[in-house]
């Protein structure tokens, strides 16, 4: 199944992200439990945002999964970049 790297860029509303973070993480945990999310987490420096690694049939399915993320629903993600990723080495490689 294809792998996708997703870069979230958050807006500046840290207080709103803090409020919705438990729901956001619970949603992502559900994707991980279903096998769709391989890893995710916030950047530790620079502009606020995160990296998510997902597997799905295609980019449309990735975007549909992301649309249900509480951070997306609440408008906390200012930009989303979805790119196909050819994982050739490591535990996620086929």
C-alpha atoms as a PDB file:
ATOM      1  CA  UNK A   1       0.000   0.000   0.000  1.00  0.00           C
ATOM      2  CA  UNK A   2       1.368   3.474  -0.830  1.00  0.00           C
ATOM      3  CA  UNK A   3       2.936   5.582   1.925  1.00  0.00           C
ATOM      4  CA  UNK A   4       2.381   9.317   2.279  1.00  0.00           C
ATOM      5  CA  UNK A   5       4.271  11.942   4.252  1.00  0.00           C
ATOM      6  CA  UNK A   6       2.048  14.758   5.449  1.00  0.00           C
ATOM      7  CA  UNK A   7       3.325  18.066   6.718  1.00  0.00           C
ATOM      8  CA  UNK A   8       0.944  20.100   8.839  1.00  0.00           C
ATOM      9  CA  UNK A   9       1.655  23.779   9.422  1.00  0.00           C
ATOM     10  CA  UNK A  10      -0.343  25.052  12.382  1.00  0.00           C
ATOM     11  CA  UNK A  11      -1.736  28.521  12.816  1.00  0.00           C
ATOM     12  CA  UNK A  12      -0.632  30.602  15.795  1.00  0.00           C
ATOM     13  CA  UNK A  13      -3.519  29.665  18.137  1.00  0.00           C
ATOM     14  CA  UNK A  14      -1.538  27.655  20.671  1.00  0.00           C
ATOM     15  CA  UNK A  15      -4.358  27.879  23.233  1.00  0.00           C
ATOM     16  CA  UNK A  16      -6.853  26.313  20.813  1.00  0.00           C
ATOM     17  CA  UNK A  17      -4.391  23.545  19.871  1.00  0.00           C
ATOM     18  CA  UNK A  18      -3.871  22.820  23.566  1.00  0.00           C
ATOM     19  CA  UNK A  19      -7.641  22.584  24.033  1.00  0.00           C
ATOM     20  CA  UNK A  20      -8.220  20.192  21.110  1.00  0.00           C
ATOM     21  CA  UNK A  21      -4.956  18.203  21.430  1.00  0.00           C
ATOM     22  CA  UNK A  22      -6.469  15.294  23.440  1.00  0.00           C
ATOM     23  CA  UNK A  23      -9.202  14.810  20.824  1.00  0.00           C
ATOM     24  CA  UNK A  24      -6.661  15.198  17.986  1.00  0.00           C
ATOM     25  CA  UNK A  25      -4.362  12.580  19.529  1.00  0.00           C
ATOM     26  CA  UNK A  26      -7.259  10.197  20.200  1.00  0.00           C
ATOM     27  CA  UNK A  27      -8.286  10.498  16.555  1.00  0.00           C
ATOM     28  CA  UNK A  28      -4.738   9.808  15.376  1.00  0.00           C
ATOM     29  CA  UNK A  29      -4.462   6.875  17.808  1.00  0.00           C
ATOM     30  CA  UNK A  30      -7.534   5.399  16.121  1.00  0.00           C
ATOM     31  CA  UNK A  31      -5.833   5.718  12.728  1.00  0.00           C
ATOM     32  CA  UNK A  32      -2.732   4.037  14.172  1.00  0.00           C
ATOM     33  CA  UNK A  33      -4.807   1.218  15.661  1.00  0.00           C
ATOM     34  CA  UNK A  34      -6.402   0.702  12.235  1.00  0.00           C
ATOM     35  CA  UNK A  35      -2.947   0.500  10.631  1.00  0.00           C
ATOM     36  CA  UNK A  36      -3.300   3.682   8.573  1.00  0.00           C
ATOM     37  CA  UNK A  37      -0.983   5.910  10.651  1.00  0.00           C
ATOM     38  CA  UNK A  38       2.615   4.736  10.967  1.00  0.00           C
ATOM     39  CA  UNK A  39       3.875   7.703  12.988  1.00  0.00           C
ATOM     40  CA  UNK A  40       3.196  11.314  13.837  1.00  0.00           C
ATOM     41  CA  UNK A  41       4.432  14.085  16.039  1.00  0.00           C
ATOM     42  CA  UNK A  42       5.078  17.803  16.259  1.00  0.00           C
ATOM     43  CA  UNK A  43       8.213  19.544  15.057  1.00  0.00           C
ATOM     44  CA  UNK A  44      10.570  20.366  17.918  1.00  0.00           C
ATOM     45  CA  UNK A  45      11.823  23.616  16.421  1.00  0.00           C
ATOM     46  CA  UNK A  46      10.880  26.207  13.835  1.00  0.00           C
ATOM     47  CA  UNK A  47       7.339  27.011  12.777  1.00  0.00           C
ATOM     48  CA  UNK A  48       4.592  25.112  14.611  1.00  0.00           C
ATOM     49  CA  UNK A  49       3.472  21.997  12.802  1.00  0.00           C
ATOM     50  CA  UNK A  50       3.817  18.238  12.587  1.00  0.00           C
ATOM     51  CA  UNK A  51       4.772  15.310  10.393  1.00  0.00           C
ATOM     52  CA  UNK A  52       2.394  12.386   9.847  1.00  0.00           C
ATOM     53  CA  UNK A  53       3.178   9.194   7.932  1.00  0.00           C
ATOM     54  CA  UNK A  54       0.132   7.389   6.580  1.00  0.00           C
ATOM     55  CA  UNK A  55      -0.594   4.443   4.329  1.00  0.00           C
ATOM     56  CA  UNK A  56      -3.622   4.532   2.052  1.00  0.00           C
ATOM     57  CA  UNK A  57      -4.749   3.530  -1.414  1.00  0.00           C
ATOM     58  CA  UNK A  58      -4.274   7.051  -2.742  1.00  0.00           C
ATOM     59  CA  UNK A  59      -3.921  10.733  -1.855  1.00  0.00           C
ATOM     60  CA  UNK A  60      -7.687  11.269  -1.913  1.00  0.00           C
ATOM     61  CA  UNK A  61      -8.083   8.708   0.877  1.00  0.00           C
ATOM     62  CA  UNK A  62      -5.312  10.404   2.889  1.00  0.00           C
ATOM     63  CA  UNK A  63      -7.034  13.763   2.522  1.00  0.00           C
ATOM     64  CA  UNK A  64     -10.355  12.225   3.579  1.00  0.00           C
ATOM     65  CA  UNK A  65      -8.742  10.831   6.736  1.00  0.00           C
ATOM     66  CA  UNK A  66      -7.130  14.188   7.469  1.00  0.00           C
ATOM     67  CA  UNK A  67     -10.443  16.021   7.014  1.00  0.00           C
ATOM     68  CA  UNK A  68     -11.785  14.196  10.077  1.00  0.00           C
ATOM     69  CA  UNK A  69      -8.845  15.257  12.278  1.00  0.00           C
ATOM     70  CA  UNK A  70     -10.129  17.613  15.014  1.00  0.00           C
ATOM     71  CA  UNK A  71      -7.248  20.025  14.306  1.00  0.00           C
ATOM     72  CA  UNK A  72      -8.429  20.235  10.682  1.00  0.00           C
ATOM     73  CA  UNK A  73     -12.086  20.483  11.700  1.00  0.00           C
ATOM     74  CA  UNK A  74     -11.319  23.404  14.017  1.00  0.00           C
ATOM     75  CA  UNK A  75      -9.237  25.230  11.394  1.00  0.00           C
ATOM     76  CA  UNK A  76      -5.987  24.930  13.369  1.00  0.00           C
ATOM     77  CA  UNK A  77      -4.026  23.609  10.388  1.00  0.00           C
ATOM     78  CA  UNK A  78      -3.041  26.560   8.205  1.00  0.00           C
ATOM     79  CA  UNK A  79      -1.476  24.377   5.485  1.00  0.00           C
ATOM     80  CA  UNK A  80      -1.357  20.692   4.645  1.00  0.00           C
ATOM     81  CA  UNK A  81       1.185  19.178   2.266  1.00  0.00           C
ATOM     82  CA  UNK A  82       0.611  15.562   1.217  1.00  0.00           C
ATOM     83  CA  UNK A  83       3.383  13.814  -0.696  1.00  0.00           C
ATOM     84  CA  UNK A  84       3.828  10.244  -1.811  1.00  0.00           C
ATOM     85  CA  UNK A  85       6.854   8.684  -0.176  1.00  0.00           C
ATOM     86  CA  UNK A  86       8.830   5.717  -1.493  1.00  0.00           C
ATOM     87  CA  UNK A  87      10.095   4.085   1.703  1.00  0.00           C
ATOM     88  CA  UNK A  88      13.063   1.970   0.610  1.00  0.00           C
ATOM     89  CA  UNK A  89      14.781   1.278   3.973  1.00  0.00           C
ATOM     90  CA  UNK A  90      13.707   0.788   7.549  1.00  0.00           C
ATOM     91  CA  UNK A  91      10.799  -0.823   9.345  1.00  0.00           C
ATOM     92  CA  UNK A  92       8.162   0.831   7.143  1.00  0.00           C
ATOM     93  CA  UNK A  93       9.705  -0.375   3.877  1.00  0.00           C
ATOM     94  CA  UNK A  94       7.810  -3.101   2.041  1.00  0.00           C
END
